[in-house]
């Protein structure tokens, strides 16, 4: 009986600790306009990301997707492993979809393990959202360095160089 009471108490307190989200305003028009990354920017970001990692001694692939997770550009260093193409896309897709760094999303796995079951998601560091005017307009995914945090740094540095963000 005590165990049931304690379990109920823990569940009630964790539910109370969650904050209520702000309501989302839905469109009232037949269509909506959204910003998305241009091909020109995507090509520059992919090339700069690979260049950044190459300068640090790593062979990587960088995939840049639009805000919906559709591929715009892929750059692969000549000696990057074949697995890096799929990994970079999955990281970019995950980041665009989740509107967050994949390294941050991965930290949420213990409390939300269902994230790992979303088709196409790869919750490893190396996915970086591209934000302009406070909106995610695309994402960069990088695969191939010995650490996803190195992959992430190459993309973050490319964003600073190419877009100044």
N, C-alpha and C. Protein backbone atom coordinates (compact mmCIF):
# COMPACT_ATOMS: atom_id res chain seq x y z
N UNK A 1 0.82 -1.19 0.00
CA UNK A 1 0.00 0.00 0.00
C UNK A 1 0.86 1.25 0.00
N UNK A 2 1.92 1.26 0.82
CA UNK A 2 2.82 2.41 0.88
C UNK A 2 3.51 2.62 -0.46
N UNK A 3 3.91 1.53 -1.13
CA UNK A 3 4.59 1.63 -2.41
C UNK A 3 3.66 2.26 -3.45
N UNK A 4 2.39 1.87 -3.47
CA UNK A 4 1.43 2.45 -4.41
C UNK A 4 1.26 3.94 -4.14
N UNK A 5 1.16 4.32 -2.87
CA UNK A 5 1.02 5.73 -2.50
C UNK A 5 2.24 6.54 -2.96
N UNK A 6 3.45 6.01 -2.73
CA UNK A 6 4.66 6.71 -3.13
C UNK A 6 4.75 6.84 -4.64
N UNK A 7 4.38 5.80 -5.37
CA UNK A 7 4.39 5.87 -6.83
C UNK A 7 3.42 6.94 -7.32
N UNK A 8 2.23 6.98 -6.74
CA UNK A 8 1.24 7.99 -7.12
C UNK A 8 1.75 9.38 -6.80
N UNK A 9 2.41 9.53 -5.67
CA UNK A 9 2.95 10.82 -5.26
C UNK A 9 4.04 11.29 -6.23
N UNK A 10 4.92 10.38 -6.62
CA UNK A 10 5.99 10.72 -7.57
C UNK A 10 5.40 11.12 -8.91
N UNK A 11 4.42 10.37 -9.40
CA UNK A 11 3.79 10.69 -10.67
C UNK A 11 3.09 12.04 -10.61
N UNK A 12 2.40 12.31 -9.54
CA UNK A 12 1.69 13.58 -9.39
C UNK A 12 2.67 14.74 -9.32
N UNK A 13 3.77 14.57 -8.60
CA UNK A 13 4.72 15.67 -8.48
C UNK A 13 5.46 15.92 -9.78
N UNK A 14 5.76 14.88 -10.56
CA UNK A 14 6.43 15.09 -11.84
C UNK A 14 5.48 15.74 -12.84
N UNK A 15 4.20 15.41 -12.79
CA UNK A 15 3.22 16.05 -13.67
C UNK A 15 3.07 17.52 -13.30
N UNK A 16 3.10 17.83 -12.03
CA UNK A 16 2.96 19.21 -11.59
C UNK A 16 4.20 20.03 -11.95
N UNK A 17 5.36 19.38 -12.02
CA UNK A 17 6.60 20.09 -12.33
C UNK A 17 6.67 20.51 -13.80
N UNK A 18 5.92 19.85 -14.68
CA UNK A 18 5.93 20.21 -16.08
C UNK A 18 5.20 21.53 -16.27
N UNK A 19 5.74 22.38 -17.12
CA UNK A 19 5.10 23.66 -17.37
C UNK A 19 4.10 23.53 -18.51
N UNK A 20 3.10 24.35 -18.47
CA UNK A 20 2.10 24.36 -19.53
C UNK A 20 2.65 25.16 -20.70
N UNK A 21 2.66 24.60 -21.90
CA UNK A 21 3.20 25.34 -23.04
C UNK A 21 2.29 26.49 -23.45
N UNK A 22 2.89 27.46 -24.09
CA UNK A 22 2.14 28.58 -24.63
C UNK A 22 1.32 28.09 -25.82
N UNK A 23 0.06 28.51 -25.93
CA UNK A 23 -0.75 28.07 -27.08
C UNK A 23 -0.11 28.49 -28.40
N UNK A 24 -0.27 27.65 -29.40
CA UNK A 24 0.24 27.92 -30.74
C UNK A 24 -0.86 28.60 -31.53
N UNK A 25 -0.50 29.67 -32.25
CA UNK A 25 -1.48 30.36 -33.08
C UNK A 25 -1.46 29.70 -34.46
N UNK A 26 -2.58 29.12 -34.85
CA UNK A 26 -2.69 28.48 -36.15
C UNK A 26 -3.10 29.50 -37.21
N UNK A 27 -2.69 29.26 -38.42
CA UNK A 27 -3.02 30.17 -39.53
C UNK A 27 -4.52 30.13 -39.81
N UNK A 28 -5.04 31.25 -40.23
CA UNK A 28 -6.46 31.34 -40.61
C UNK A 28 -6.61 31.57 -42.11
N UNK A 29 -5.49 31.53 -42.84
CA UNK A 29 -5.49 31.72 -44.29
C UNK A 29 -5.32 30.38 -44.98
N UNK A 30 -5.69 30.29 -46.26
CA UNK A 30 -5.56 29.01 -46.97
C UNK A 30 -4.11 28.56 -47.15
N UNK A 31 -3.17 29.49 -47.16
CA UNK A 31 -1.75 29.14 -47.33
C UNK A 31 -0.92 29.92 -46.32
N UNK A 32 0.31 29.46 -46.12
CA UNK A 32 1.25 30.17 -45.26
C UNK A 32 2.57 30.29 -45.99
N UNK A 33 3.32 31.32 -45.64
CA UNK A 33 4.65 31.49 -46.21
C UNK A 33 5.67 31.20 -45.12
N UNK A 34 6.69 30.46 -45.50
CA UNK A 34 7.75 30.16 -44.56
C UNK A 34 9.09 30.39 -45.25
N UNK A 35 10.08 30.79 -44.46
CA UNK A 35 11.41 30.96 -45.00
C UNK A 35 12.14 29.64 -45.04
N UNK A 36 12.95 29.47 -46.06
CA UNK A 36 13.77 28.27 -46.15
C UNK A 36 15.13 28.66 -46.72
N UNK A 37 16.09 27.85 -46.51
CA UNK A 37 17.45 28.09 -46.94
C UNK A 37 17.55 28.02 -48.47
N UNK A 38 18.34 28.90 -49.05
CA UNK A 38 18.54 28.89 -50.50
C UNK A 38 19.58 27.86 -50.91
N UNK A 39 19.55 27.45 -52.16
CA UNK A 39 20.55 26.53 -52.69
C UNK A 39 21.94 27.14 -52.59
N UNK A 40 22.05 28.41 -52.93
CA UNK A 40 23.34 29.09 -52.88
C UNK A 40 23.95 29.01 -51.48
N UNK A 41 23.15 29.35 -50.48
CA UNK A 41 23.65 29.29 -49.09
C UNK A 41 23.99 27.86 -48.70
N UNK A 42 23.15 26.91 -49.11
CA UNK A 42 23.39 25.50 -48.77
C UNK A 42 24.70 24.99 -49.36
N UNK A 43 24.97 25.34 -50.60
CA UNK A 43 26.22 24.91 -51.24
C UNK A 43 27.43 25.48 -50.50
N UNK A 44 27.35 26.75 -50.15
CA UNK A 44 28.46 27.39 -49.42
C UNK A 44 28.64 26.77 -48.04
N UNK A 45 27.53 26.51 -47.35
CA UNK A 45 27.62 25.91 -46.01
C UNK A 45 28.22 24.51 -46.06
N UNK A 46 27.80 23.71 -47.02
CA UNK A 46 28.33 22.34 -47.13
C UNK A 46 29.83 22.37 -47.40
N UNK A 47 30.25 23.19 -48.36
CA UNK A 47 31.68 23.27 -48.71
C UNK A 47 32.50 23.80 -47.55
N UNK A 48 32.01 24.83 -46.87
CA UNK A 48 32.76 25.43 -45.75
C UNK A 48 32.85 24.46 -44.58
N UNK A 49 31.80 23.70 -44.34
CA UNK A 49 31.82 22.73 -43.25
C UNK A 49 32.88 21.66 -43.50
N UNK A 50 32.90 21.11 -44.72
CA UNK A 50 33.91 20.09 -45.06
C UNK A 50 35.31 20.69 -44.98
N UNK A 51 35.45 21.92 -45.46
CA UNK A 51 36.75 22.59 -45.41
C UNK A 51 37.22 22.79 -43.97
N UNK A 52 36.32 23.18 -43.09
CA UNK A 52 36.67 23.36 -41.67
C UNK A 52 37.18 22.06 -41.06
N UNK A 53 36.48 20.98 -41.33
CA UNK A 53 36.90 19.69 -40.76
C UNK A 53 38.20 19.21 -41.40
N UNK A 54 38.36 19.45 -42.71
CA UNK A 54 39.60 19.05 -43.38
C UNK A 54 40.79 19.80 -42.78
N UNK A 55 40.62 21.09 -42.50
CA UNK A 55 41.70 21.88 -41.90
C UNK A 55 42.09 21.33 -40.52
N UNK A 56 41.13 20.71 -39.85
CA UNK A 56 41.40 20.11 -38.53
C UNK A 56 41.88 18.67 -38.64
N UNK A 57 41.97 18.14 -39.87
CA UNK A 57 42.49 16.79 -40.07
C UNK A 57 41.45 15.70 -40.19
N UNK A 58 40.20 16.05 -40.49
CA UNK A 58 39.14 15.05 -40.55
C UNK A 58 38.47 15.00 -41.91
N UNK A 59 38.23 13.78 -42.37
CA UNK A 59 37.49 13.54 -43.61
C UNK A 59 36.02 13.35 -43.26
N UNK A 60 35.17 14.27 -43.73
CA UNK A 60 33.76 14.23 -43.37
C UNK A 60 32.88 14.45 -44.59
N UNK A 61 31.61 14.18 -44.38
CA UNK A 61 30.56 14.57 -45.32
C UNK A 61 29.65 15.55 -44.60
N UNK A 62 29.25 16.60 -45.31
CA UNK A 62 28.29 17.57 -44.79
C UNK A 62 27.07 17.57 -45.70
N UNK A 63 25.91 17.40 -45.11
CA UNK A 63 24.65 17.49 -45.85
C UNK A 63 23.87 18.67 -45.29
N UNK A 64 23.35 19.48 -46.20
CA UNK A 64 22.54 20.63 -45.80
C UNK A 64 21.13 20.39 -46.33
N UNK A 65 20.16 20.53 -45.44
CA UNK A 65 18.75 20.31 -45.80
C UNK A 65 17.97 21.61 -45.61
N UNK A 66 16.81 21.68 -46.25
CA UNK A 66 15.93 22.83 -46.04
C UNK A 66 15.15 22.64 -44.75
N UNK A 67 14.25 23.56 -44.45
CA UNK A 67 13.53 23.51 -43.17
C UNK A 67 12.68 22.26 -43.01
N UNK A 68 12.35 21.59 -44.13
CA UNK A 68 11.54 20.37 -44.09
C UNK A 68 12.38 19.10 -44.05
N UNK A 69 13.71 19.26 -44.09
CA UNK A 69 14.58 18.09 -44.05
C UNK A 69 14.89 17.49 -45.40
N UNK A 70 14.60 18.24 -46.47
CA UNK A 70 14.90 17.77 -47.83
C UNK A 70 16.29 18.25 -48.22
N UNK A 71 17.09 17.36 -48.78
CA UNK A 71 18.48 17.67 -49.12
C UNK A 71 18.59 18.78 -50.16
N UNK A 72 19.45 19.76 -49.85
CA UNK A 72 19.79 20.82 -50.79
C UNK A 72 21.21 20.65 -51.33
N UNK A 73 22.14 20.24 -50.46
CA UNK A 73 23.54 20.14 -50.88
C UNK A 73 24.26 19.09 -50.05
N UNK A 74 25.20 18.42 -50.71
CA UNK A 74 26.06 17.44 -50.04
C UNK A 74 27.49 17.70 -50.50
N UNK A 75 28.41 17.74 -49.55
CA UNK A 75 29.83 17.83 -49.87
C UNK A 75 30.54 16.74 -49.07
N UNK A 76 31.41 16.00 -49.76
CA UNK A 76 32.10 14.88 -49.11
C UNK A 76 33.58 14.98 -49.43
N UNK A 77 34.41 14.96 -48.40
CA UNK A 77 35.85 14.95 -48.67
C UNK A 77 36.20 13.62 -49.33
N UNK A 78 37.22 13.64 -50.13
CA UNK A 78 37.56 12.48 -50.96
C UNK A 78 37.75 11.19 -50.17
N UNK A 79 38.24 11.29 -48.95
CA UNK A 79 38.52 10.09 -48.17
C UNK A 79 37.54 9.83 -47.03
N UNK A 80 36.40 10.50 -47.07
CA UNK A 80 35.38 10.25 -46.04
C UNK A 80 34.78 8.87 -46.27
N UNK A 81 34.48 8.17 -45.20
CA UNK A 81 33.90 6.83 -45.31
C UNK A 81 32.52 6.86 -45.94
N UNK A 82 32.12 5.76 -46.56
CA UNK A 82 30.82 5.73 -47.22
C UNK A 82 29.64 5.90 -46.26
N UNK A 83 29.81 5.51 -45.00
CA UNK A 83 28.74 5.65 -44.01
C UNK A 83 28.46 7.10 -43.67
N UNK A 84 29.41 8.00 -43.95
CA UNK A 84 29.26 9.39 -43.55
C UNK A 84 28.17 10.11 -44.35
N UNK A 85 27.88 9.63 -45.54
CA UNK A 85 26.84 10.26 -46.36
C UNK A 85 25.47 10.09 -45.69
N UNK A 86 25.14 8.86 -45.32
CA UNK A 86 23.86 8.60 -44.66
C UNK A 86 23.78 9.22 -43.28
N UNK A 87 24.90 9.16 -42.53
CA UNK A 87 24.91 9.72 -41.19
C UNK A 87 24.73 11.23 -41.23
N UNK A 88 25.39 11.90 -42.17
CA UNK A 88 25.26 13.36 -42.23
C UNK A 88 23.84 13.76 -42.60
N UNK A 89 23.21 13.03 -43.52
CA UNK A 89 21.83 13.34 -43.86
C UNK A 89 20.91 13.14 -42.65
N UNK A 90 21.07 12.00 -41.97
CA UNK A 90 20.19 11.71 -40.82
C UNK A 90 20.34 12.76 -39.73
N UNK A 91 21.56 13.22 -39.49
CA UNK A 91 21.76 14.27 -38.48
C UNK A 91 21.11 15.58 -38.92
N UNK A 92 21.26 15.93 -40.19
CA UNK A 92 20.65 17.16 -40.69
C UNK A 92 19.13 17.08 -40.61
N UNK A 93 18.58 15.96 -41.03
CA UNK A 93 17.13 15.74 -40.99
C UNK A 93 16.60 15.84 -39.56
N UNK A 94 17.31 15.21 -38.64
CA UNK A 94 16.91 15.22 -37.23
C UNK A 94 16.94 16.64 -36.67
N UNK A 95 18.00 17.38 -36.98
CA UNK A 95 18.13 18.74 -36.49
C UNK A 95 17.06 19.65 -37.07
N UNK A 96 16.78 19.53 -38.37
CA UNK A 96 15.74 20.36 -39.00
C UNK A 96 14.38 20.03 -38.41
N UNK A 97 14.12 18.75 -38.25
CA UNK A 97 12.82 18.32 -37.72
C UNK A 97 12.64 18.72 -36.26
N UNK A 98 13.66 18.54 -35.45
CA UNK A 98 13.59 18.86 -34.03
C UNK A 98 13.88 20.31 -33.72
N UNK A 99 14.35 21.05 -34.74
CA UNK A 99 14.66 22.47 -34.58
C UNK A 99 15.67 22.70 -33.45
N UNK A 100 16.67 21.80 -33.37
CA UNK A 100 17.62 21.87 -32.27
C UNK A 100 18.91 21.19 -32.68
N UNK A 101 19.97 21.42 -31.91
CA UNK A 101 21.21 20.67 -32.07
C UNK A 101 20.93 19.20 -31.76
N UNK A 102 21.46 18.30 -32.55
CA UNK A 102 21.25 16.89 -32.24
C UNK A 102 21.96 16.50 -30.95
N UNK A 103 23.03 17.20 -30.61
CA UNK A 103 23.72 16.92 -29.34
C UNK A 103 22.80 17.24 -28.16
N UNK A 104 22.00 18.29 -28.27
CA UNK A 104 21.04 18.62 -27.20
C UNK A 104 19.88 17.63 -27.18
N UNK A 105 19.42 17.24 -28.36
CA UNK A 105 18.33 16.28 -28.43
C UNK A 105 18.74 14.95 -27.81
N UNK A 106 20.00 14.55 -28.04
CA UNK A 106 20.50 13.29 -27.49
C UNK A 106 20.50 13.30 -25.96
N UNK A 107 20.72 14.47 -25.38
CA UNK A 107 20.69 14.58 -23.91
C UNK A 107 19.30 14.27 -23.35
N UNK A 108 18.27 14.45 -24.15
CA UNK A 108 16.91 14.18 -23.71
C UNK A 108 16.48 12.73 -23.80
N UNK A 109 17.33 11.88 -24.36
CA UNK A 109 16.96 10.47 -24.53
C UNK A 109 16.61 9.75 -23.22
N UNK A 110 17.35 9.96 -22.14
CA UNK A 110 16.98 9.23 -20.91
C UNK A 110 15.55 9.52 -20.45
N UNK A 111 15.10 10.75 -20.60
CA UNK A 111 13.75 11.08 -20.15
C UNK A 111 12.70 10.89 -21.25
N UNK A 112 13.15 10.73 -22.50
CA UNK A 112 12.22 10.54 -23.61
C UNK A 112 12.81 9.55 -24.62
N UNK A 113 12.93 8.27 -24.23
CA UNK A 113 13.58 7.28 -25.09
C UNK A 113 12.86 7.05 -26.41
N UNK A 114 11.60 7.44 -26.50
CA UNK A 114 10.85 7.27 -27.74
C UNK A 114 11.41 8.09 -28.90
N UNK A 115 12.24 9.11 -28.60
CA UNK A 115 12.87 9.90 -29.66
C UNK A 115 13.68 9.00 -30.60
N UNK A 116 14.31 7.99 -30.03
CA UNK A 116 15.16 7.10 -30.83
C UNK A 116 14.34 6.25 -31.80
N UNK A 117 13.03 6.18 -31.60
CA UNK A 117 12.17 5.36 -32.45
C UNK A 117 11.54 6.13 -33.60
N UNK A 118 11.80 7.42 -33.70
CA UNK A 118 11.24 8.21 -34.80
C UNK A 118 11.99 7.86 -36.07
N UNK A 119 11.28 7.42 -37.11
CA UNK A 119 11.95 7.02 -38.35
C UNK A 119 12.80 8.15 -38.93
N UNK A 120 14.04 7.83 -39.25
CA UNK A 120 14.96 8.79 -39.85
C UNK A 120 15.79 9.58 -38.86
N UNK A 121 15.45 9.52 -37.58
CA UNK A 121 16.19 10.28 -36.58
C UNK A 121 17.52 9.59 -36.26
N UNK A 122 18.57 10.40 -36.13
CA UNK A 122 19.86 9.92 -35.64
C UNK A 122 20.29 10.89 -34.55
N UNK A 123 20.21 10.44 -33.33
CA UNK A 123 20.46 11.30 -32.18
C UNK A 123 21.91 11.19 -31.73
N UNK A 124 22.78 11.65 -32.60
CA UNK A 124 24.21 11.78 -32.32
C UNK A 124 24.59 13.22 -32.60
N UNK A 125 25.56 13.75 -31.88
CA UNK A 125 26.02 15.11 -32.12
C UNK A 125 26.50 15.23 -33.57
N UNK A 126 26.30 16.43 -34.12
CA UNK A 126 26.73 16.70 -35.50
C UNK A 126 25.64 17.28 -36.37
N UNK A 127 24.45 17.45 -35.82
CA UNK A 127 23.35 18.10 -36.53
C UNK A 127 23.13 19.48 -35.96
N UNK A 128 23.13 20.50 -36.84
CA UNK A 128 23.06 21.89 -36.40
C UNK A 128 21.97 22.62 -37.18
N UNK A 129 20.98 23.19 -36.47
CA UNK A 129 19.95 23.94 -37.19
C UNK A 129 20.52 25.25 -37.74
N UNK A 130 19.98 25.68 -38.87
CA UNK A 130 20.33 26.98 -39.44
C UNK A 130 19.18 27.92 -39.10
N UNK A 131 19.48 28.91 -38.27
CA UNK A 131 18.45 29.87 -37.83
C UNK A 131 18.72 31.24 -38.43
N UNK A 132 17.70 31.81 -39.02
CA UNK A 132 17.75 33.19 -39.50
C UNK A 132 16.48 33.89 -39.05
N UNK A 133 16.61 35.08 -38.50
CA UNK A 133 15.46 35.84 -37.99
C UNK A 133 14.61 35.00 -37.04
N UNK A 134 15.28 34.28 -36.15
CA UNK A 134 14.62 33.46 -35.12
C UNK A 134 13.80 32.30 -35.67
N UNK A 135 14.04 31.91 -36.91
CA UNK A 135 13.32 30.78 -37.49
C UNK A 135 14.32 29.77 -38.05
N UNK A 136 14.04 28.49 -37.87
CA UNK A 136 14.88 27.45 -38.46
C UNK A 136 14.53 27.36 -39.94
N UNK A 137 15.54 27.62 -40.79
CA UNK A 137 15.34 27.61 -42.24
C UNK A 137 16.03 26.42 -42.90
N UNK A 138 16.73 25.62 -42.11
CA UNK A 138 17.44 24.46 -42.63
C UNK A 138 18.29 23.86 -41.53
N UNK A 139 19.18 22.95 -41.92
CA UNK A 139 20.09 22.34 -40.96
C UNK A 139 21.29 21.76 -41.69
N UNK A 140 22.37 21.62 -40.96
CA UNK A 140 23.60 21.00 -41.47
C UNK A 140 23.83 19.74 -40.65
N UNK A 141 24.13 18.65 -41.33
CA UNK A 141 24.52 17.42 -40.65
C UNK A 141 25.92 17.05 -41.09
N UNK A 142 26.73 16.63 -40.16
CA UNK A 142 28.12 16.29 -40.45
C UNK A 142 28.43 14.92 -39.88
N UNK A 143 29.12 14.10 -40.66
CA UNK A 143 29.55 12.80 -40.20
C UNK A 143 30.96 12.50 -40.65
N UNK A 144 31.75 11.89 -39.77
CA UNK A 144 33.07 11.44 -40.17
C UNK A 144 34.18 11.73 -39.19
N UNK A 145 34.05 12.78 -38.39
CA UNK A 145 35.08 13.06 -37.40
C UNK A 145 34.95 12.02 -36.27
N UNK A 146 36.00 11.84 -35.47
CA UNK A 146 35.92 10.83 -34.41
C UNK A 146 34.94 11.17 -33.29
N UNK A 147 34.42 12.39 -33.28
CA UNK A 147 33.44 12.80 -32.28
C UNK A 147 32.39 13.65 -32.95
N UNK A 148 31.13 13.42 -32.59
CA UNK A 148 30.06 14.24 -33.12
C UNK A 148 30.20 15.70 -32.72
N UNK A 149 30.84 15.96 -31.59
CA UNK A 149 31.05 17.35 -31.18
C UNK A 149 32.03 18.07 -32.10
N UNK A 150 32.98 17.32 -32.67
CA UNK A 150 33.89 17.90 -33.67
C UNK A 150 33.08 18.19 -34.94
N UNK A 151 32.25 17.23 -35.35
CA UNK A 151 31.36 17.45 -36.50
C UNK A 151 30.55 18.73 -36.30
N UNK A 152 29.97 18.85 -35.11
CA UNK A 152 29.13 20.01 -34.78
C UNK A 152 29.91 21.31 -34.89
N UNK A 153 31.13 21.33 -34.36
CA UNK A 153 31.95 22.54 -34.39
C UNK A 153 32.25 22.97 -35.82
N UNK A 154 32.52 22.02 -36.70
CA UNK A 154 32.79 22.36 -38.10
C UNK A 154 31.59 23.07 -38.73
N UNK A 155 30.39 22.61 -38.41
CA UNK A 155 29.17 23.22 -38.95
C UNK A 155 28.90 24.58 -38.32
N UNK A 156 29.06 24.68 -37.01
CA UNK A 156 28.83 25.96 -36.32
C UNK A 156 29.79 27.02 -36.85
N UNK A 157 31.04 26.65 -37.06
CA UNK A 157 32.02 27.59 -37.60
C UNK A 157 31.67 27.99 -39.03
N UNK A 158 31.13 27.06 -39.81
CA UNK A 158 30.71 27.38 -41.18
C UNK A 158 29.55 28.38 -41.17
N UNK A 159 28.63 28.22 -40.23
CA UNK A 159 27.51 29.17 -40.11
C UNK A 159 28.03 30.58 -39.83
N UNK A 160 29.02 30.68 -38.97
CA UNK A 160 29.62 32.00 -38.65
C UNK A 160 30.28 32.61 -39.88
N UNK A 161 31.02 31.79 -40.62
CA UNK A 161 31.74 32.29 -41.80
C UNK A 161 30.80 32.67 -42.93
N UNK A 162 29.86 31.78 -43.24
CA UNK A 162 29.00 31.97 -44.42
C UNK A 162 27.84 32.93 -44.16
N UNK A 163 27.19 32.78 -43.00
CA UNK A 163 25.98 33.58 -42.74
C UNK A 163 26.16 34.60 -41.62
N UNK A 164 27.29 34.55 -40.94
CA UNK A 164 27.51 35.49 -39.84
C UNK A 164 26.65 35.25 -38.63
N UNK A 165 26.18 33.99 -38.46
CA UNK A 165 25.35 33.66 -37.30
C UNK A 165 26.00 32.59 -36.43
